[in-house]
Amino acid sequence: MIRQKRNMNIMDRVTRFVISLVLLGIVIFGPLWNLLGFFIVLLSVLFLIAGITGFCPFYKSINVDFTKSDEYFK
């Protein structure tokens, strides 16, 4: 099994989780059941996976690690 190092802090993970739930709610309860709705669902699933795992592939591609920035939010 491939194991990635976490590169997101708690605030980033919670924000992505909440955004993904809001986007899914908009698609499920709103009038977006077309191609735009499909892309919003895809984006929200990616945000949900990143929020749960704590690993962001974009952060990895630009070589950024935000795990040590939790001190700024206390």
N, C-alpha and C. Protein backbone atom coordinates (compact mmCIF):
# COMPACT_ATOMS: atom_id res chain seq x y z
N MET A 1 0.84 -1.18 0.00
CA MET A 1 0.00 0.00 0.00
C MET A 1 0.89 1.25 0.00
N ILE A 2 0.53 2.20 -0.83
CA ILE A 2 1.29 3.45 -0.93
C ILE A 2 0.82 4.38 0.18
N ARG A 3 1.79 4.94 0.87
CA ARG A 3 1.47 5.82 1.99
C ARG A 3 2.04 7.21 1.72
N GLN A 4 1.19 8.22 1.67
CA GLN A 4 1.64 9.58 1.44
C GLN A 4 1.79 10.29 2.77
N LYS A 5 2.75 11.17 2.82
CA LYS A 5 2.93 12.00 4.01
C LYS A 5 1.90 13.12 3.98
N ARG A 6 1.30 13.38 5.12
CA ARG A 6 0.31 14.46 5.19
C ARG A 6 0.99 15.80 4.95
N ASN A 7 0.33 16.65 4.17
CA ASN A 7 0.89 17.96 3.89
C ASN A 7 -0.12 19.08 4.09
N MET A 8 -1.22 18.81 4.83
CA MET A 8 -2.23 19.82 5.11
C MET A 8 -2.43 19.92 6.61
N ASN A 9 -2.71 21.14 7.07
CA ASN A 9 -2.97 21.33 8.49
C ASN A 9 -4.45 21.07 8.79
N ILE A 10 -4.82 21.13 10.05
CA ILE A 10 -6.19 20.82 10.47
C ILE A 10 -7.19 21.82 9.87
N MET A 11 -6.86 23.10 9.87
CA MET A 11 -7.77 24.11 9.34
C MET A 11 -8.04 23.89 7.86
N ASP A 12 -7.03 23.55 7.10
CA ASP A 12 -7.18 23.27 5.68
C ASP A 12 -8.04 22.02 5.46
N ARG A 13 -7.85 21.01 6.26
CA ARG A 13 -8.63 19.78 6.13
C ARG A 13 -10.10 20.01 6.44
N VAL A 14 -10.38 20.75 7.51
CA VAL A 14 -11.77 21.04 7.88
C VAL A 14 -12.43 21.90 6.82
N THR A 15 -11.71 22.88 6.29
CA THR A 15 -12.26 23.76 5.26
C THR A 15 -12.61 22.97 4.00
N ARG A 16 -11.73 22.08 3.58
CA ARG A 16 -12.02 21.26 2.40
C ARG A 16 -13.19 20.33 2.63
N PHE A 17 -13.29 19.77 3.84
CA PHE A 17 -14.39 18.88 4.16
C PHE A 17 -15.73 19.63 4.11
N VAL A 18 -15.77 20.82 4.69
CA VAL A 18 -17.01 21.61 4.70
C VAL A 18 -17.37 22.06 3.28
N ILE A 19 -16.39 22.49 2.51
CA ILE A 19 -16.66 22.91 1.13
C ILE A 19 -17.21 21.76 0.31
N SER A 20 -16.65 20.57 0.50
CA SER A 20 -17.14 19.42 -0.26
C SER A 20 -18.57 19.08 0.12
N LEU A 21 -18.92 19.17 1.40
CA LEU A 21 -20.30 18.90 1.81
C LEU A 21 -21.26 19.95 1.25
N VAL A 22 -20.84 21.21 1.24
CA VAL A 22 -21.69 22.27 0.70
C VAL A 22 -21.91 22.07 -0.80
N LEU A 23 -20.85 21.76 -1.53
CA LEU A 23 -20.98 21.53 -2.97
C LEU A 23 -21.87 20.34 -3.27
N LEU A 24 -21.72 19.26 -2.52
CA LEU A 24 -22.60 18.10 -2.72
C LEU A 24 -24.05 18.45 -2.40
N GLY A 25 -24.27 19.23 -1.36
CA GLY A 25 -25.62 19.66 -1.02
C GLY A 25 -26.24 20.52 -2.10
N ILE A 26 -25.45 21.39 -2.71
CA ILE A 26 -25.95 22.23 -3.80
C ILE A 26 -26.37 21.38 -4.98
N VAL A 27 -25.59 20.37 -5.31
CA VAL A 27 -25.92 19.53 -6.45
C VAL A 27 -27.12 18.64 -6.14
N ILE A 28 -27.16 18.07 -4.94
CA ILE A 28 -28.25 17.15 -4.61
C ILE A 28 -29.57 17.88 -4.48
N PHE A 29 -29.60 19.01 -3.78
CA PHE A 29 -30.85 19.71 -3.52
C PHE A 29 -31.13 20.85 -4.49
N GLY A 30 -30.22 21.13 -5.39
CA GLY A 30 -30.40 22.23 -6.33
C GLY A 30 -30.70 21.73 -7.73
N PRO A 31 -30.77 22.63 -8.66
CA PRO A 31 -31.13 22.26 -10.04
C PRO A 31 -29.93 21.89 -10.93
N LEU A 32 -28.82 21.51 -10.35
CA LEU A 32 -27.61 21.24 -11.15
C LEU A 32 -27.46 19.74 -11.43
N TRP A 33 -28.23 19.20 -12.33
CA TRP A 33 -28.06 17.80 -12.72
C TRP A 33 -27.68 17.71 -14.19
N ASN A 34 -26.67 18.43 -14.59
CA ASN A 34 -26.17 18.38 -15.95
C ASN A 34 -24.65 18.22 -15.90
N LEU A 35 -23.97 18.64 -16.92
CA LEU A 35 -22.51 18.48 -16.97
C LEU A 35 -21.82 19.29 -15.88
N LEU A 36 -22.32 20.48 -15.60
CA LEU A 36 -21.76 21.30 -14.52
C LEU A 36 -21.92 20.60 -13.17
N GLY A 37 -23.07 19.99 -12.95
CA GLY A 37 -23.30 19.23 -11.72
C GLY A 37 -22.33 18.06 -11.59
N PHE A 38 -22.04 17.39 -12.70
CA PHE A 38 -21.08 16.29 -12.67
C PHE A 38 -19.70 16.77 -12.25
N PHE A 39 -19.26 17.89 -12.81
CA PHE A 39 -17.94 18.42 -12.45
C PHE A 39 -17.89 18.91 -11.01
N ILE A 40 -18.99 19.46 -10.51
CA ILE A 40 -19.04 19.88 -9.12
C ILE A 40 -18.98 18.68 -8.19
N VAL A 41 -19.66 17.60 -8.54
CA VAL A 41 -19.59 16.37 -7.73
C VAL A 41 -18.17 15.82 -7.76
N LEU A 42 -17.54 15.80 -8.91
CA LEU A 42 -16.16 15.32 -9.02
C LEU A 42 -15.21 16.16 -8.17
N LEU A 43 -15.34 17.47 -8.22
CA LEU A 43 -14.51 18.36 -7.42
C LEU A 43 -14.75 18.16 -5.93
N SER A 44 -16.00 17.99 -5.55
CA SER A 44 -16.30 17.81 -4.12
C SER A 44 -15.79 16.47 -3.62
N VAL A 45 -15.82 15.44 -4.45
CA VAL A 45 -15.26 14.14 -4.03
C VAL A 45 -13.75 14.24 -3.86
N LEU A 46 -13.09 14.97 -4.75
CA LEU A 46 -11.65 15.17 -4.60
C LEU A 46 -11.32 15.95 -3.34
N PHE A 47 -12.10 17.00 -3.05
CA PHE A 47 -11.91 17.76 -1.81
C PHE A 47 -12.17 16.89 -0.59
N LEU A 48 -13.19 16.03 -0.66
CA LEU A 48 -13.51 15.16 0.46
C LEU A 48 -12.39 14.16 0.72
N ILE A 49 -11.85 13.57 -0.32
CA ILE A 49 -10.74 12.63 -0.16
C ILE A 49 -9.51 13.33 0.39
N ALA A 50 -9.21 14.52 -0.11
CA ALA A 50 -8.05 15.27 0.39
C ALA A 50 -8.26 15.69 1.84
N GLY A 51 -9.49 16.04 2.21
CA GLY A 51 -9.76 16.43 3.59
C GLY A 51 -9.66 15.26 4.56
N ILE A 52 -10.09 14.10 4.13
CA ILE A 52 -10.02 12.93 5.00
C ILE A 52 -8.60 12.42 5.14
N THR A 53 -7.86 12.34 4.03
CA THR A 53 -6.51 11.78 4.08
C THR A 53 -5.46 12.76 4.56
N GLY A 54 -5.69 14.07 4.37
CA GLY A 54 -4.70 15.06 4.77
C GLY A 54 -3.59 15.23 3.75
N PHE A 55 -3.78 14.69 2.56
CA PHE A 55 -2.77 14.78 1.50
C PHE A 55 -3.36 15.50 0.30
N CYS A 56 -2.68 16.55 -0.16
CA CYS A 56 -3.11 17.31 -1.33
C CYS A 56 -2.07 17.13 -2.44
N PRO A 57 -2.44 16.54 -3.57
CA PRO A 57 -1.48 16.34 -4.66
C PRO A 57 -0.95 17.66 -5.24
N PHE A 58 -1.78 18.72 -5.22
CA PHE A 58 -1.31 20.01 -5.71
C PHE A 58 -0.20 20.56 -4.83
N TYR A 59 -0.37 20.45 -3.51
CA TYR A 59 0.69 20.89 -2.60
C TYR A 59 1.96 20.09 -2.83
N LYS A 60 1.83 18.81 -3.12
CA LYS A 60 2.99 17.97 -3.39
C LYS A 60 3.69 18.41 -4.68
N SER A 61 2.90 18.79 -5.69
CA SER A 61 3.49 19.17 -6.97
C SER A 61 4.26 20.48 -6.88
N ILE A 62 3.84 21.39 -5.99
CA ILE A 62 4.58 22.64 -5.85
C ILE A 62 5.53 22.60 -4.65
N ASN A 63 5.65 21.43 -4.03
CA ASN A 63 6.60 21.16 -2.94
C ASN A 63 6.36 22.07 -1.74
N VAL A 64 5.11 22.07 -1.23
CA VAL A 64 4.71 22.88 -0.09
C VAL A 64 4.18 21.95 0.99
N ASP A 65 4.51 22.27 2.25
CA ASP A 65 4.03 21.48 3.38
C ASP A 65 3.46 22.43 4.43
N PHE A 66 2.16 22.31 4.70
CA PHE A 66 1.50 23.19 5.64
C PHE A 66 1.21 22.53 6.98
N THR A 67 1.81 21.40 7.28
CA THR A 67 1.52 20.72 8.54
C THR A 67 2.07 21.47 9.74
N LYS A 68 3.12 22.23 9.58
CA LYS A 68 3.72 22.96 10.70
C LYS A 68 3.08 24.32 10.93
N SER A 69 2.10 24.70 10.12
CA SER A 69 1.51 26.04 10.27
C SER A 69 0.34 26.06 11.23
N ASP A 70 0.12 24.99 12.00
CA ASP A 70 -0.96 24.99 12.98
C ASP A 70 -0.71 25.98 14.12
N GLU A 71 0.54 26.36 14.35
CA GLU A 71 0.83 27.30 15.44
C GLU A 71 0.23 28.66 15.15
N TYR A 72 0.03 29.02 13.90
CA TYR A 72 -0.49 30.34 13.55
C TYR A 72 -1.99 30.47 13.84
N PHE A 73 -2.68 29.35 13.99
CA PHE A 73 -4.13 29.39 14.21
C PHE A 73 -4.49 29.29 15.69
N LYS A 74 -3.51 29.19 16.58
CA LYS A 74 -3.80 29.05 18.02
C LYS A 74 -3.84 30.39 18.69
